[in-house]
Amino acid sequence: MKSVSILLNTAESVKKFVNIMSAYDYPTDLRSGRYVVDAKSILGIFSLDLNKPVVLEINSDDCDDLLREITPFIYN
């Protein structure tokens, strides 16, 4: 399992992020505090507080291709 912080602060960035995530078969979740939603669910993502970074949890150890594709969303 890998975890990275990401920032999705616009509706357009959420749409692009979900399109990327939907192309991968890994189980993925977004965590914001005590709330956890499916990272492939646009409605789930919009239910989170997107004013601050959220944590993406990828349930796969071989996900370097996904991490490269979501680089613009990664928050350091």
C-alpha atoms as a PDB file:
ATOM      1  CA  MET A   1       0.000   0.000   0.000  1.00  0.00           C
ATOM      2  CA  LYS A   2       1.222   3.484  -0.853  1.00  0.00           C
ATOM      3  CA  SER A   3      -0.085   6.826   0.382  1.00  0.00           C
ATOM      4  CA  VAL A   4       0.399  10.302  -1.071  1.00  0.00           C
ATOM      5  CA  SER A   5      -1.131  13.685  -0.301  1.00  0.00           C
ATOM      6  CA  ILE A   6      -2.985  15.275  -3.168  1.00  0.00           C
ATOM      7  CA  LEU A   7      -4.726  18.586  -3.716  1.00  0.00           C
ATOM      8  CA  LEU A   8      -7.949  18.759  -5.719  1.00  0.00           C
ATOM      9  CA  ASN A   9      -9.001  22.373  -5.357  1.00  0.00           C
ATOM     10  CA  THR A  10     -11.098  22.842  -8.523  1.00  0.00           C
ATOM     11  CA  ALA A  11     -13.975  20.954 -10.126  1.00  0.00           C
ATOM     12  CA  GLU A  12     -11.878  20.518 -13.262  1.00  0.00           C
ATOM     13  CA  SER A  13      -9.020  18.941 -11.305  1.00  0.00           C
ATOM     14  CA  VAL A  14     -11.464  16.502  -9.652  1.00  0.00           C
ATOM     15  CA  LYS A  15     -12.825  15.524 -13.071  1.00  0.00           C
ATOM     16  CA  LYS A  16      -9.340  14.930 -14.499  1.00  0.00           C
ATOM     17  CA  PHE A  17      -8.274  13.012 -11.399  1.00  0.00           C
ATOM     18  CA  VAL A  18     -11.305  10.687 -11.515  1.00  0.00           C
ATOM     19  CA  ASN A  19     -10.735  10.025 -15.237  1.00  0.00           C
ATOM     20  CA  ILE A  20      -7.139   8.989 -14.509  1.00  0.00           C
ATOM     21  CA  MET A  21      -8.087   6.867 -11.495  1.00  0.00           C
ATOM     22  CA  SER A  22     -10.837   5.061 -13.405  1.00  0.00           C
ATOM     23  CA  ALA A  23      -8.288   3.742 -15.888  1.00  0.00           C
ATOM     24  CA  TYR A  24      -6.568   1.664 -13.173  1.00  0.00           C
ATOM     25  CA  ASP A  25      -7.830  -1.499 -11.498  1.00  0.00           C
ATOM     26  CA  TYR A  26      -6.155  -0.866  -8.142  1.00  0.00           C
ATOM     27  CA  PRO A  27      -8.457  -0.381  -5.169  1.00  0.00           C
ATOM     28  CA  THR A  28      -7.910   3.268  -4.169  1.00  0.00           C
ATOM     29  CA  ASP A  29      -9.362   5.454  -1.433  1.00  0.00           C
ATOM     30  CA  LEU A  30      -9.231   9.122  -0.511  1.00  0.00           C
ATOM     31  CA  ARG A  31      -9.025   9.942   3.189  1.00  0.00           C
ATOM     32  CA  SER A  32      -9.857  13.284   4.761  1.00  0.00           C
ATOM     33  CA  GLY A  33      -9.855  13.102   8.544  1.00  0.00           C
ATOM     34  CA  ARG A  34     -12.212  10.298   9.500  1.00  0.00           C
ATOM     35  CA  TYR A  35     -13.939  10.204   6.098  1.00  0.00           C
ATOM     36  CA  VAL A  36     -12.919   7.691   3.438  1.00  0.00           C
ATOM     37  CA  VAL A  37     -14.322   7.585  -0.114  1.00  0.00           C
ATOM     38  CA  ASP A  38     -13.579   5.645  -3.280  1.00  0.00           C
ATOM     39  CA  ALA A  39     -11.022   7.636  -5.307  1.00  0.00           C
ATOM     40  CA  LYS A  40     -12.940   6.747  -8.495  1.00  0.00           C
ATOM     41  CA  SER A  41     -16.189   8.321  -7.240  1.00  0.00           C
ATOM     42  CA  ILE A  42     -16.682  11.920  -8.318  1.00  0.00           C
ATOM     43  CA  LEU A  43     -19.621  12.346  -5.918  1.00  0.00           C
ATOM     44  CA  GLY A  44     -17.621  10.833  -3.069  1.00  0.00           C
ATOM     45  CA  ILE A  45     -14.731  13.212  -3.705  1.00  0.00           C
ATOM     46  CA  PHE A  46     -17.019  16.241  -3.734  1.00  0.00           C
ATOM     47  CA  SER A  47     -18.322  15.198  -0.304  1.00  0.00           C
ATOM     48  CA  LEU A  48     -14.840  15.800   1.165  1.00  0.00           C
ATOM     49  CA  ASP A  49     -13.350  19.095   2.317  1.00  0.00           C
ATOM     50  CA  LEU A  50     -11.264  19.965  -0.739  1.00  0.00           C
ATOM     51  CA  ASN A  51      -9.857  23.195   0.704  1.00  0.00           C
ATOM     52  CA  LYS A  52      -6.956  21.174   2.086  1.00  0.00           C
ATOM     53  CA  PRO A  53      -4.953  18.195   0.800  1.00  0.00           C
ATOM     54  CA  VAL A  54      -6.417  14.700   1.107  1.00  0.00           C
ATOM     55  CA  VAL A  55      -4.565  11.393   1.328  1.00  0.00           C
ATOM     56  CA  LEU A  56      -4.719   8.971  -1.575  1.00  0.00           C
ATOM     57  CA  GLU A  57      -4.250   5.364  -0.479  1.00  0.00           C
ATOM     58  CA  ILE A  58      -3.336   2.952  -3.274  1.00  0.00           C
ATOM     59  CA  ASN A  59      -3.723  -0.715  -2.389  1.00  0.00           C
ATOM     60  CA  SER A  60      -0.964  -1.919  -4.697  1.00  0.00           C
ATOM     61  CA  ASP A  61       2.804  -1.912  -4.461  1.00  0.00           C
ATOM     62  CA  ASP A  62       3.281  -1.768  -8.238  1.00  0.00           C
ATOM     63  CA  CYS A  63       1.664   1.593  -9.013  1.00  0.00           C
ATOM     64  CA  ASP A  64       4.532   3.713 -10.351  1.00  0.00           C
ATOM     65  CA  ASP A  65       2.676   4.314 -13.624  1.00  0.00           C
ATOM     66  CA  LEU A  66      -0.318   5.719 -11.737  1.00  0.00           C
ATOM     67  CA  LEU A  67       1.896   7.905  -9.540  1.00  0.00           C
ATOM     68  CA  ARG A  68       3.576   9.384 -12.630  1.00  0.00           C
ATOM     69  CA  GLU A  69       0.205  10.191 -14.173  1.00  0.00           C
ATOM     70  CA  ILE A  70      -1.148  11.942 -11.068  1.00  0.00           C
ATOM     71  CA  THR A  71       2.023  13.970 -10.453  1.00  0.00           C
ATOM     72  CA  PRO A  72       0.244  17.314 -11.109  1.00  0.00           C
ATOM     73  CA  PHE A  73      -2.103  16.598  -8.174  1.00  0.00           C
ATOM     74  CA  ILE A  74       0.535  15.493  -5.645  1.00  0.00           C
ATOM     75  CA  TYR A  75       0.923  17.959  -2.776  1.00  0.00           C
ATOM     76  CA  ASN A  76       4.341  18.183  -1.122  1.00  0.00           C
END
